[in-house]
Amino acid sequence: MGTAPHAARDRRPPAERVRDRLRAVAGAETAARMPAGYQRLGRVLLVRLPSDLQPYYPVLGTAWQEELGVATVLVPTGPIEGEYRLPRVERIAGTETETEVTEHGVRWRFDAAEVMFAAGNRTERQRAGRLVRPGETVVDLFAGIGYFAIPAARAGAQCVVAVEKNPTAVRYLVENLRRNGVAATVDVVAGDNRTVPLARRTADRVFLGYLPSAVPWVPRALELLRPSGGGLHVHLLAGTRDARAEATATVDAAVRGAGGTLTAPSVAREVKPYGPGRAHMVVDVRARPGP
């Protein structure tokens, strides 16, 4: 995709250059309503635009294509949908939505119109690799395209069990394992993590990366831990007023309610803001399963 002729001379941010092009066809008042933010996923761009700019989507799509040199421009039309975590997007320029992102040495290939990939979770994906110790047995109950499974395998886990329900995500998961050279370490289990057979009392660590809340899966995760205990990493949304305390209390209560025993104080951290008044949190728990 080519770059607009003036882009090489104009060093302003891309959004300002796109806004100029919108202003030329729609006027200053309309152009002022265009947000400046965007998320680049390799050759695909995600741009959040208000619905009142819809008549100008073709102009905006072409402008973003040319200013950033991307192949396709998508506009999110709603939140991630259902347990398959399906993105809701409208394509306003281009046709190809399969893309690749390289992040902290990991190559992620996926279809941006069919598979969720949150750039805001970048630090958490990297942290997963730092948490895992060589020789551990790790279970990822919401593996997606390998968000935590691949960093865990690269960190030296002896075995990673990656469970994923979405068939499209499973296909990319298998491909990404191969592309990152960890296919021999990761056992892919396709299906619903509530019903697929998983080895009980064998895991050192379980990742539960699901929103709005992975708390309902805490009992399932506990039964996978070794009798001596292990780590859980539980994702959920919490109010921003006291997000750490709220998230920790919620997860700790779930562990106790499932018959587990906390073996160390739980620690909550913010992954990213998540809409007005809410934050995406992860709680790191050390616990033993019940009898």
C-alpha atoms as a PDB file:
ATOM      1  CA  MET A   1       0.000   0.000   0.000  1.00  0.00           C
ATOM      2  CA  GLY A   2       1.470   3.352  -0.986  1.00  0.00           C
ATOM      3  CA  THR A   3       1.928   6.392   1.191  1.00  0.00           C
ATOM      4  CA  ALA A   4       0.267   9.719   0.456  1.00  0.00           C
ATOM      5  CA  PRO A   5       2.616  12.027  -1.497  1.00  0.00           C
ATOM      6  CA  HIS A   6       2.618  14.680   1.214  1.00  0.00           C
ATOM      7  CA  ALA A   7       3.256  12.206   4.062  1.00  0.00           C
ATOM      8  CA  ALA A   8       7.023  12.141   3.480  1.00  0.00           C
ATOM      9  CA  ARG A   9       7.160  15.904   4.030  1.00  0.00           C
ATOM     10  CA  ASP A  10       4.592  16.174   6.805  1.00  0.00           C
ATOM     11  CA  ARG A  11       6.023  14.992  10.125  1.00  0.00           C
ATOM     12  CA  ARG A  12       2.841  15.527  12.132  1.00  0.00           C
ATOM     13  CA  PRO A  13       1.134  12.492  13.728  1.00  0.00           C
ATOM     14  CA  PRO A  14      -0.784  10.334  11.223  1.00  0.00           C
ATOM     15  CA  ALA A  15      -4.130  11.157  12.844  1.00  0.00           C
ATOM     16  CA  GLU A  16      -3.621  14.856  12.178  1.00  0.00           C
ATOM     17  CA  ARG A  17      -2.877  14.174   8.534  1.00  0.00           C
ATOM     18  CA  VAL A  18      -5.990  11.973   8.263  1.00  0.00           C
ATOM     19  CA  ARG A  19      -8.037  14.667   9.960  1.00  0.00           C
ATOM     20  CA  ASP A  20      -6.848  17.178   7.351  1.00  0.00           C
ATOM     21  CA  ARG A  21      -8.121  14.916   4.607  1.00  0.00           C
ATOM     22  CA  LEU A  22     -11.477  14.521   6.346  1.00  0.00           C
ATOM     23  CA  ARG A  23     -11.683  18.290   6.853  1.00  0.00           C
ATOM     24  CA  ALA A  24     -11.257  18.822   3.126  1.00  0.00           C
ATOM     25  CA  VAL A  25     -14.420  16.844   2.326  1.00  0.00           C
ATOM     26  CA  ALA A  26     -16.549  17.221   5.473  1.00  0.00           C
ATOM     27  CA  GLY A  27     -15.573  20.516   7.103  1.00  0.00           C
ATOM     28  CA  ALA A  28     -13.774  21.439  10.303  1.00  0.00           C
ATOM     29  CA  GLU A  29     -16.633  20.611  12.689  1.00  0.00           C
ATOM     30  CA  THR A  30     -16.955  17.035  11.424  1.00  0.00           C
ATOM     31  CA  ALA A  31     -13.188  16.530  11.311  1.00  0.00           C
ATOM     32  CA  ALA A  32     -12.891  17.627  14.946  1.00  0.00           C
ATOM     33  CA  ARG A  33     -15.016  14.612  15.978  1.00  0.00           C
ATOM     34  CA  MET A  34     -12.492  12.109  14.648  1.00  0.00           C
ATOM     35  CA  PRO A  35     -10.522  10.469  17.511  1.00  0.00           C
ATOM     36  CA  ALA A  36      -6.748  10.402  17.258  1.00  0.00           C
ATOM     37  CA  GLY A  37      -6.188   6.894  18.631  1.00  0.00           C
ATOM     38  CA  TYR A  38      -5.582   3.730  16.649  1.00  0.00           C
ATOM     39  CA  GLN A  39      -4.190   0.231  17.150  1.00  0.00           C
ATOM     40  CA  ARG A  40      -1.872  -1.239  14.565  1.00  0.00           C
ATOM     41  CA  LEU A  41      -1.791  -5.026  14.268  1.00  0.00           C
ATOM     42  CA  GLY A  42       0.817  -5.640  11.605  1.00  0.00           C
ATOM     43  CA  ARG A  43      -0.791  -4.876   8.253  1.00  0.00           C
ATOM     44  CA  VAL A  44      -4.240  -4.341   9.815  1.00  0.00           C
ATOM     45  CA  LEU A  45      -5.338  -1.143  11.575  1.00  0.00           C
ATOM     46  CA  LEU A  46      -8.113  -0.869  14.186  1.00  0.00           C
ATOM     47  CA  VAL A  47      -9.588   2.634  14.490  1.00  0.00           C
ATOM     48  CA  ARG A  48     -12.427   3.527  16.819  1.00  0.00           C
ATOM     49  CA  LEU A  49     -14.740   5.969  15.066  1.00  0.00           C
ATOM     50  CA  PRO A  50     -18.083   7.435  16.178  1.00  0.00           C
ATOM     51  CA  SER A  51     -21.036   6.170  14.169  1.00  0.00           C
ATOM     52  CA  ASP A  52     -21.920   9.685  12.966  1.00  0.00           C
ATOM     53  CA  LEU A  53     -18.765   9.609  10.842  1.00  0.00           C
ATOM     54  CA  GLN A  54     -20.034   6.539   8.970  1.00  0.00           C
ATOM     55  CA  PRO A  55     -20.794   8.474   5.752  1.00  0.00           C
ATOM     56  CA  TYR A  56     -17.083   9.303   5.617  1.00  0.00           C
ATOM     57  CA  TYR A  57     -15.756   5.807   6.375  1.00  0.00           C
ATOM     58  CA  PRO A  58     -14.562   5.263   2.765  1.00  0.00           C
ATOM     59  CA  VAL A  59     -12.587   8.525   2.879  1.00  0.00           C
ATOM     60  CA  LEU A  60     -11.184   7.740   6.305  1.00  0.00           C
ATOM     61  CA  GLY A  61     -10.347   4.153   5.406  1.00  0.00           C
ATOM     62  CA  THR A  62      -8.359   5.190   2.344  1.00  0.00           C
ATOM     63  CA  ALA A  63      -6.653   7.986   4.269  1.00  0.00           C
ATOM     64  CA  TRP A  64      -5.516   5.648   7.056  1.00  0.00           C
ATOM     65  CA  GLN A  65      -4.348   3.083   4.503  1.00  0.00           C
ATOM     66  CA  GLU A  66      -2.203   5.627   2.730  1.00  0.00           C
ATOM     67  CA  GLU A  67      -0.871   7.473   5.764  1.00  0.00           C
ATOM     68  CA  LEU A  68       0.245   4.322   7.613  1.00  0.00           C
ATOM     69  CA  GLY A  69       0.809   1.952   4.710  1.00  0.00           C
ATOM     70  CA  VAL A  70      -1.545  -0.733   6.055  1.00  0.00           C
ATOM     71  CA  ALA A  71      -3.525  -3.174   3.939  1.00  0.00           C
ATOM     72  CA  THR A  72      -6.848  -3.101   5.781  1.00  0.00           C
ATOM     73  CA  VAL A  73      -8.683  -0.774   8.161  1.00  0.00           C
ATOM     74  CA  LEU A  74     -11.257  -2.099  10.645  1.00  0.00           C
ATOM     75  CA  VAL A  75     -13.633  -0.181  12.903  1.00  0.00           C
ATOM     76  CA  PRO A  76     -14.792  -1.931  16.110  1.00  0.00           C
ATOM     77  CA  THR A  77     -18.585  -1.946  16.312  1.00  0.00           C
ATOM     78  CA  GLY A  78     -19.054  -3.453  19.773  1.00  0.00           C
ATOM     79  CA  PRO A  79     -17.397  -5.331  22.614  1.00  0.00           C
ATOM     80  CA  ILE A  80     -15.726  -8.723  22.263  1.00  0.00           C
ATOM     81  CA  GLU A  81     -18.597 -11.196  21.964  1.00  0.00           C
ATOM     82  CA  GLY A  82     -19.304 -14.426  23.840  1.00  0.00           C
ATOM     83  CA  GLU A  83     -17.118 -17.250  25.053  1.00  0.00           C
ATOM     84  CA  TYR A  84     -15.474 -17.477  21.633  1.00  0.00           C
ATOM     85  CA  ARG A  85     -14.249 -13.906  22.268  1.00  0.00           C
ATOM     86  CA  LEU A  86     -15.195 -12.797  18.771  1.00  0.00           C
ATOM     87  CA  PRO A  87     -14.294  -9.258  17.691  1.00  0.00           C
ATOM     88  CA  ARG A  88     -17.115  -7.170  16.250  1.00  0.00           C
ATOM     89  CA  VAL A  89     -15.675  -5.060  13.458  1.00  0.00           C
ATOM     90  CA  GLU A  90     -16.588  -3.346  10.195  1.00  0.00           C
ATOM     91  CA  ARG A  91     -14.091  -3.309   7.335  1.00  0.00           C
ATOM     92  CA  ILE A  92     -13.842   0.201   5.855  1.00  0.00           C
ATOM     93  CA  ALA A  93     -10.811  -0.289   3.593  1.00  0.00           C
ATOM     94  CA  GLY A  94      -8.985  -3.291   2.190  1.00  0.00           C
ATOM     95  CA  THR A  95      -9.951  -6.947   2.241  1.00  0.00           C
ATOM     96  CA  GLU A  96      -7.197  -9.002   3.884  1.00  0.00           C
ATOM     97  CA  THR A  97      -7.626  -9.334   7.654  1.00  0.00           C
ATOM     98  CA  GLU A  98      -5.036 -12.038   8.338  1.00  0.00           C
ATOM     99  CA  THR A  99      -1.959 -10.443   9.876  1.00  0.00           C
ATOM    100  CA  GLU A 100       1.118 -11.074  11.979  1.00  0.00           C
ATOM    101  CA  VAL A 101       2.477  -9.255  15.019  1.00  0.00           C
ATOM    102  CA  THR A 102       5.921  -9.784  16.531  1.00  0.00           C
ATOM    103  CA  GLU A 103       6.039  -9.025  20.232  1.00  0.00           C
ATOM    104  CA  HIS A 104       8.907  -9.700  22.654  1.00  0.00           C
ATOM    105  CA  GLY A 105      10.307 -12.249  20.231  1.00  0.00           C
ATOM    106  CA  VAL A 106       6.992 -14.108  19.760  1.00  0.00           C
ATOM    107  CA  ARG A 107       5.368 -14.230  16.317  1.00  0.00           C
ATOM    108  CA  TRP A 108       1.576 -14.116  16.498  1.00  0.00           C
ATOM    109  CA  ARG A 109      -0.411 -14.886  13.351  1.00  0.00           C
ATOM    110  CA  PHE A 110      -4.189 -14.438  13.399  1.00  0.00           C
ATOM    111  CA  ASP A 111      -7.227 -13.023  11.589  1.00  0.00           C
ATOM    112  CA  ALA A 112      -8.021  -9.658  13.149  1.00  0.00           C
ATOM    113  CA  ALA A 113     -11.664  -9.905  12.053  1.00  0.00           C
ATOM    114  CA  GLU A 114     -12.174 -13.325  13.660  1.00  0.00           C
ATOM    115  CA  VAL A 115      -9.783 -13.550  16.620  1.00  0.00           C
ATOM    116  CA  MET A 116      -9.281 -11.197  19.567  1.00  0.00           C
ATOM    117  CA  PHE A 117      -5.795  -9.743  19.993  1.00  0.00           C
ATOM    118  CA  ALA A 118      -5.592  -7.011  22.634  1.00  0.00           C
ATOM    119  CA  ALA A 119      -2.477  -4.887  22.201  1.00  0.00           C
ATOM    120  CA  GLY A 120      -3.094  -3.562  25.727  1.00  0.00           C
ATOM    121  CA  ASN A 121      -2.300  -7.037  27.106  1.00  0.00           C
ATOM    122  CA  ARG A 122       1.259  -6.910  25.740  1.00  0.00           C
ATOM    123  CA  THR A 123       2.916  -6.484  29.143  1.00  0.00           C
ATOM    124  CA  GLU A 124       0.856  -9.290  30.661  1.00  0.00           C
ATOM    125  CA  ARG A 125       1.821 -11.683  27.873  1.00  0.00           C
ATOM    126  CA  GLN A 126       5.464 -10.853  28.504  1.00  0.00           C
ATOM    127  CA  ARG A 127       5.010 -11.232  32.264  1.00  0.00           C
ATOM    128  CA  ALA A 128       3.624 -14.742  31.777  1.00  0.00           C
ATOM    129  CA  GLY A 129       7.016 -15.789  30.498  1.00  0.00           C
ATOM    130  CA  ARG A 130       8.716 -14.304  33.555  1.00  0.00           C
ATOM    131  CA  LEU A 131       6.370 -16.039  35.991  1.00  0.00           C
ATOM    132  CA  VAL A 132       6.912 -19.553  34.687  1.00  0.00           C
ATOM    133  CA  ARG A 133       9.843 -21.508  36.105  1.00  0.00           C
ATOM    134  CA  PRO A 134      11.790 -24.096  34.097  1.00  0.00           C
ATOM    135  CA  GLY A 135      10.337 -27.574  34.492  1.00  0.00           C
ATOM    136  CA  GLU A 136       6.841 -26.458  35.496  1.00  0.00           C
ATOM    137  CA  THR A 137       3.624 -28.016  34.253  1.00  0.00           C
ATOM    138  CA  VAL A 138       1.364 -25.172  33.121  1.00  0.00           C
ATOM    139  CA  VAL A 139      -2.304 -25.111  32.096  1.00  0.00           C
ATOM    140  CA  ASP A 140      -3.833 -22.233  30.122  1.00  0.00           C
ATOM    141  CA  LEU A 141      -7.605 -22.592  30.327  1.00  0.00           C
ATOM    142  CA  PHE A 142      -8.279 -19.839  27.739  1.00  0.00           C
ATOM    143  CA  ALA A 143      -5.374 -20.301  25.358  1.00  0.00           C
ATOM    144  CA  GLY A 144      -6.654 -18.335  22.364  1.00  0.00           C
ATOM    145  CA  ILE A 145      -3.856 -18.188  19.801  1.00  0.00           C
ATOM    146  CA  GLY A 146      -1.241 -18.889  22.481  1.00  0.00           C
ATOM    147  CA  TYR A 147      -1.282 -15.674  24.536  1.00  0.00           C
ATOM    148  CA  PHE A 148       0.211 -17.265  27.675  1.00  0.00           C
ATOM    149  CA  ALA A 149       0.970 -20.784  26.425  1.00  0.00           C
ATOM    150  CA  ILE A 150       3.722 -19.671  24.054  1.00  0.00           C
ATOM    151  CA  PRO A 151       5.556 -17.405  26.554  1.00  0.00           C
ATOM    152  CA  ALA A 152       5.274 -20.210  29.152  1.00  0.00           C
ATOM    153  CA  ALA A 153       6.779 -22.742  26.758  1.00  0.00           C
ATOM    154  CA  ARG A 154       9.564 -20.359  25.770  1.00  0.00           C
ATOM    155  CA  ALA A 155      10.340 -19.832  29.471  1.00  0.00           C
ATOM    156  CA  GLY A 156      11.205 -23.510  29.874  1.00  0.00           C
ATOM    157  CA  ALA A 157       7.989 -25.126  31.082  1.00  0.00           C
ATOM    158  CA  GLN A 158       8.238 -28.896  30.878  1.00  0.00           C
ATOM    159  CA  CYS A 159       4.671 -29.198  29.630  1.00  0.00           C
ATOM    160  CA  VAL A 160       1.978 -26.671  28.729  1.00  0.00           C
ATOM    161  CA  VAL A 161      -1.655 -27.703  28.292  1.00  0.00           C
ATOM    162  CA  ALA A 162      -3.432 -25.132  26.121  1.00  0.00           C
ATOM    163  CA  VAL A 163      -7.231 -25.378  26.169  1.00  0.00           C
ATOM    164  CA  GLU A 164      -9.262 -23.433  23.607  1.00  0.00           C
ATOM    165  CA  LYS A 165     -12.891 -23.638  22.515  1.00  0.00           C
ATOM    166  CA  ASN A 166     -12.917 -21.390  19.407  1.00  0.00           C
ATOM    167  CA  PRO A 167     -12.015 -23.537  16.338  1.00  0.00           C
ATOM    168  CA  THR A 168     -10.523 -20.562  14.481  1.00  0.00           C
ATOM    169  CA  ALA A 169      -8.318 -19.687  17.450  1.00  0.00           C
ATOM    170  CA  VAL A 170      -7.270 -23.347  17.744  1.00  0.00           C
ATOM    171  CA  ARG A 171      -6.119 -23.315  14.123  1.00  0.00           C
ATOM    172  CA  TYR A 172      -3.957 -20.252  14.696  1.00  0.00           C
ATOM    173  CA  LEU A 173      -2.760 -21.614  18.044  1.00  0.00           C
ATOM    174  CA  VAL A 174      -1.386 -24.716  16.345  1.00  0.00           C
ATOM    175  CA  GLU A 175       0.244 -22.581  13.648  1.00  0.00           C
ATOM    176  CA  ASN A 176       1.764 -20.172  16.168  1.00  0.00           C
ATOM    177  CA  LEU A 177       3.210 -23.002  18.231  1.00  0.00           C
ATOM    178  CA  ARG A 178       4.951 -24.291  15.133  1.00  0.00           C
ATOM    179  CA  ARG A 179       6.142 -20.852  14.039  1.00  0.00           C
ATOM    180  CA  ASN A 180       7.646 -20.211  17.476  1.00  0.00           C
ATOM    181  CA  GLY A 181       9.306 -23.605  17.775  1.00  0.00           C
ATOM    182  CA  VAL A 182       7.393 -24.805  20.854  1.00  0.00           C
ATOM    183  CA  ALA A 183       4.928 -27.301  19.359  1.00  0.00           C
ATOM    184  CA  ALA A 184       6.640 -30.217  21.084  1.00  0.00           C
ATOM    185  CA  THR A 185       6.131 -28.636  24.520  1.00  0.00           C
ATOM    186  CA  VAL A 186       2.473 -27.630  24.207  1.00  0.00           C
ATOM    187  CA  ASP A 187      -0.459 -30.048  24.255  1.00  0.00           C
ATOM    188  CA  VAL A 188      -3.425 -28.423  22.501  1.00  0.00           C
ATOM    189  CA  VAL A 189      -6.833 -29.440  23.870  1.00  0.00           C
ATOM    190  CA  ALA A 190      -9.656 -28.249  21.614  1.00  0.00           C
ATOM    191  CA  GLY A 191     -12.959 -27.845  23.416  1.00  0.00           C
ATOM    192  CA  ASP A 192     -14.786 -26.354  26.382  1.00  0.00           C
ATOM    193  CA  ASN A 193     -12.444 -26.199  29.388  1.00  0.00           C
ATOM    194  CA  ARG A 194     -15.337 -27.110  31.691  1.00  0.00           C
ATOM    195  CA  THR A 195     -15.873 -30.500  30.076  1.00  0.00           C
ATOM    196  CA  VAL A 196     -12.710 -31.626  28.284  1.00  0.00           C
ATOM    197  CA  PRO A 197     -10.653 -34.225  30.204  1.00  0.00           C
ATOM    198  CA  LEU A 198      -7.711 -32.600  31.996  1.00  0.00           C
ATOM    199  CA  ALA A 199      -5.273 -34.261  34.386  1.00  0.00           C
ATOM    200  CA  ARG A 200      -6.144 -33.353  37.974  1.00  0.00           C
ATOM    201  CA  ARG A 201      -3.553 -32.423  40.622  1.00  0.00           C
ATOM    202  CA  THR A 202      -0.629 -32.180  38.213  1.00  0.00           C
ATOM    203  CA  ALA A 203      -0.258 -28.458  37.446  1.00  0.00           C
ATOM    204  CA  ASP A 204       2.181 -26.026  38.988  1.00  0.00           C
ATOM    205  CA  ARG A 205       0.457 -23.020  37.459  1.00  0.00           C
ATOM    206  CA  VAL A 206      -2.868 -22.194  35.783  1.00  0.00           C
ATOM    207  CA  PHE A 207      -3.636 -19.117  33.671  1.00  0.00           C
ATOM    208  CA  LEU A 208      -7.248 -17.921  33.553  1.00  0.00           C
ATOM    209  CA  GLY A 209      -7.248 -15.109  30.996  1.00  0.00           C
ATOM    210  CA  TYR A 210     -10.932 -14.453  30.389  1.00  0.00           C
ATOM    211  CA  LEU A 211     -13.056 -11.298  30.670  1.00  0.00           C
ATOM    212  CA  PRO A 212     -15.317  -9.997  32.033  1.00  0.00           C
ATOM    213  CA  SER A 213     -14.377 -12.488  34.741  1.00  0.00           C
ATOM    214  CA  ALA A 214     -12.546 -15.798  35.001  1.00  0.00           C
ATOM    215  CA  VAL A 215     -13.626 -16.153  38.641  1.00  0.00           C
ATOM    216  CA  PRO A 216     -16.291 -18.803  37.836  1.00  0.00           C
ATOM    217  CA  TRP A 217     -13.452 -21.043  36.606  1.00  0.00           C
ATOM    218  CA  VAL A 218     -11.455 -20.864  39.862  1.00  0.00           C
ATOM    219  CA  PRO A 219     -12.870 -24.205  41.147  1.00  0.00           C
ATOM    220  CA  ARG A 220     -11.864 -25.894  37.872  1.00  0.00           C
ATOM    221  CA  ALA A 221      -8.363 -24.412  38.094  1.00  0.00           C
ATOM    222  CA  LEU A 222      -7.913 -25.448  41.721  1.00  0.00           C
ATOM    223  CA  GLU A 223      -8.604 -29.096  40.966  1.00  0.00           C
ATOM    224  CA  LEU A 224      -5.789 -29.042  38.414  1.00  0.00           C
ATOM    225  CA  LEU A 225      -3.135 -27.882  40.907  1.00  0.00           C
ATOM    226  CA  ARG A 226      -0.762 -30.293  42.620  1.00  0.00           C
ATOM    227  CA  PRO A 227      -1.773 -31.279  46.183  1.00  0.00           C
ATOM    228  CA  SER A 228       1.171 -29.208  47.435  1.00  0.00           C
ATOM    229  CA  GLY A 229      -0.282 -26.157  45.701  1.00  0.00           C
ATOM    230  CA  GLY A 230       0.655 -23.806  42.913  1.00  0.00           C
ATOM    231  CA  GLY A 231      -0.152 -20.526  41.242  1.00  0.00           C
ATOM    232  CA  LEU A 232      -3.334 -19.161  39.686  1.00  0.00           C
ATOM    233  CA  HIS A 233      -3.455 -16.020  37.548  1.00  0.00           C
ATOM    234  CA  VAL A 234      -7.076 -14.893  37.452  1.00  0.00           C
ATOM    235  CA  HIS A 235      -8.299 -12.088  35.175  1.00  0.00           C
ATOM    236  CA  LEU A 236     -11.401 -10.022  35.884  1.00  0.00           C
ATOM    237  CA  LEU A 237     -12.870  -6.525  35.732  1.00  0.00           C
ATOM    238  CA  ALA A 238     -13.064  -4.338  38.832  1.00  0.00           C
ATOM    239  CA  GLY A 239     -14.189  -0.824  39.661  1.00  0.00           C
ATOM    240  CA  THR A 240     -11.391   1.726  39.499  1.00  0.00           C
ATOM    241  CA  ARG A 241     -12.133   3.248  42.922  1.00  0.00           C
ATOM    242  CA  ASP A 242     -10.267   0.463  44.739  1.00  0.00           C
ATOM    243  CA  ALA A 243      -9.608  -2.066  41.997  1.00  0.00           C
ATOM    244  CA  ARG A 244      -6.811  -3.988  43.686  1.00  0.00           C
ATOM    245  CA  ALA A 245      -8.721  -4.560  46.901  1.00  0.00           C
ATOM    246  CA  GLU A 246     -11.921  -5.483  45.052  1.00  0.00           C
ATOM    247  CA  ALA A 247     -10.199  -7.892  42.694  1.00  0.00           C
ATOM    248  CA  THR A 248      -8.181  -9.565  45.445  1.00  0.00           C
ATOM    249  CA  ALA A 249     -11.198  -9.985  47.718  1.00  0.00           C
ATOM    250  CA  THR A 250     -13.275 -11.455  44.870  1.00  0.00           C
ATOM    251  CA  VAL A 251     -10.674 -14.026  43.866  1.00  0.00           C
ATOM    252  CA  ASP A 252      -9.693 -14.963  47.422  1.00  0.00           C
ATOM    253  CA  ALA A 253     -13.358 -15.579  48.246  1.00  0.00           C
ATOM    254  CA  ALA A 254     -13.673 -17.804  45.175  1.00  0.00           C
ATOM    255  CA  VAL A 255     -10.642 -19.861  46.219  1.00  0.00           C
ATOM    256  CA  ARG A 256     -11.975 -20.361  49.747  1.00  0.00           C
ATOM    257  CA  GLY A 257     -15.485 -21.065  48.441  1.00  0.00           C
ATOM    258  CA  ALA A 258     -14.084 -23.863  46.274  1.00  0.00           C
ATOM    259  CA  GLY A 259     -12.386 -25.468  49.283  1.00  0.00           C
ATOM    260  CA  GLY A 260      -8.907 -24.157  48.481  1.00  0.00           C
ATOM    261  CA  THR A 261      -6.378 -22.772  50.956  1.00  0.00           C
ATOM    262  CA  LEU A 262      -4.425 -19.586  50.294  1.00  0.00           C
ATOM    263  CA  THR A 263      -0.743 -20.160  51.009  1.00  0.00           C
ATOM    264  CA  ALA A 264       0.454 -16.554  50.509  1.00  0.00           C
ATOM    265  CA  PRO A 265      -1.145 -13.112  50.219  1.00  0.00           C
ATOM    266  CA  SER A 266      -2.690 -12.615  46.798  1.00  0.00           C
ATOM    267  CA  VAL A 267      -1.425  -9.754  44.656  1.00  0.00           C
ATOM    268  CA  ALA A 268      -3.553  -7.814  42.169  1.00  0.00           C
ATOM    269  CA  ARG A 269      -2.240  -5.647  39.363  1.00  0.00           C
ATOM    270  CA  GLU A 270      -3.883  -3.587  36.649  1.00  0.00           C
ATOM    271  CA  VAL A 271      -3.467  -4.882  33.115  1.00  0.00           C
ATOM    272  CA  LYS A 272      -5.152  -1.909  31.423  1.00  0.00           C
ATOM    273  CA  PRO A 273      -8.080   0.527  31.750  1.00  0.00           C
ATOM    274  CA  TYR A 274     -11.337  -1.002  30.552  1.00  0.00           C
ATOM    275  CA  GLY A 275     -13.991   1.581  29.843  1.00  0.00           C
ATOM    276  CA  PRO A 276     -15.397   4.209  32.187  1.00  0.00           C
ATOM    277  CA  GLY A 277     -14.869   3.363  35.849  1.00  0.00           C
ATOM    278  CA  ARG A 278     -13.496  -0.155  35.293  1.00  0.00           C
ATOM    279  CA  ALA A 279     -10.095  -1.763  35.015  1.00  0.00           C
ATOM    280  CA  HIS A 280      -8.856  -5.066  33.673  1.00  0.00           C
ATOM    281  CA  MET A 281      -7.111  -6.709  36.622  1.00  0.00           C
ATOM    282  CA  VAL A 282      -5.159  -9.911  37.188  1.00  0.00           C
ATOM    283  CA  VAL A 283      -4.795 -11.513  40.609  1.00  0.00           C
ATOM    284  CA  ASP A 284      -1.791 -13.738  41.292  1.00  0.00           C
ATOM    285  CA  VAL A 285      -2.742 -16.403  43.848  1.00  0.00           C
ATOM    286  CA  ARG A 286      -0.768 -19.084  45.641  1.00  0.00           C
ATOM    287  CA  ALA A 287      -3.116 -21.819  46.822  1.00  0.00           C
ATOM    288  CA  ARG A 288      -3.600 -25.498  47.589  1.00  0.00           C
ATOM    289  CA  PRO A 289      -6.627 -27.439  46.353  1.00  0.00           C
ATOM    290  CA  GLY A 290      -9.073 -28.916  48.811  1.00  0.00           C
ATOM    291  CA  PRO A 291      -9.086 -32.570  49.815  1.00  0.00           C
END
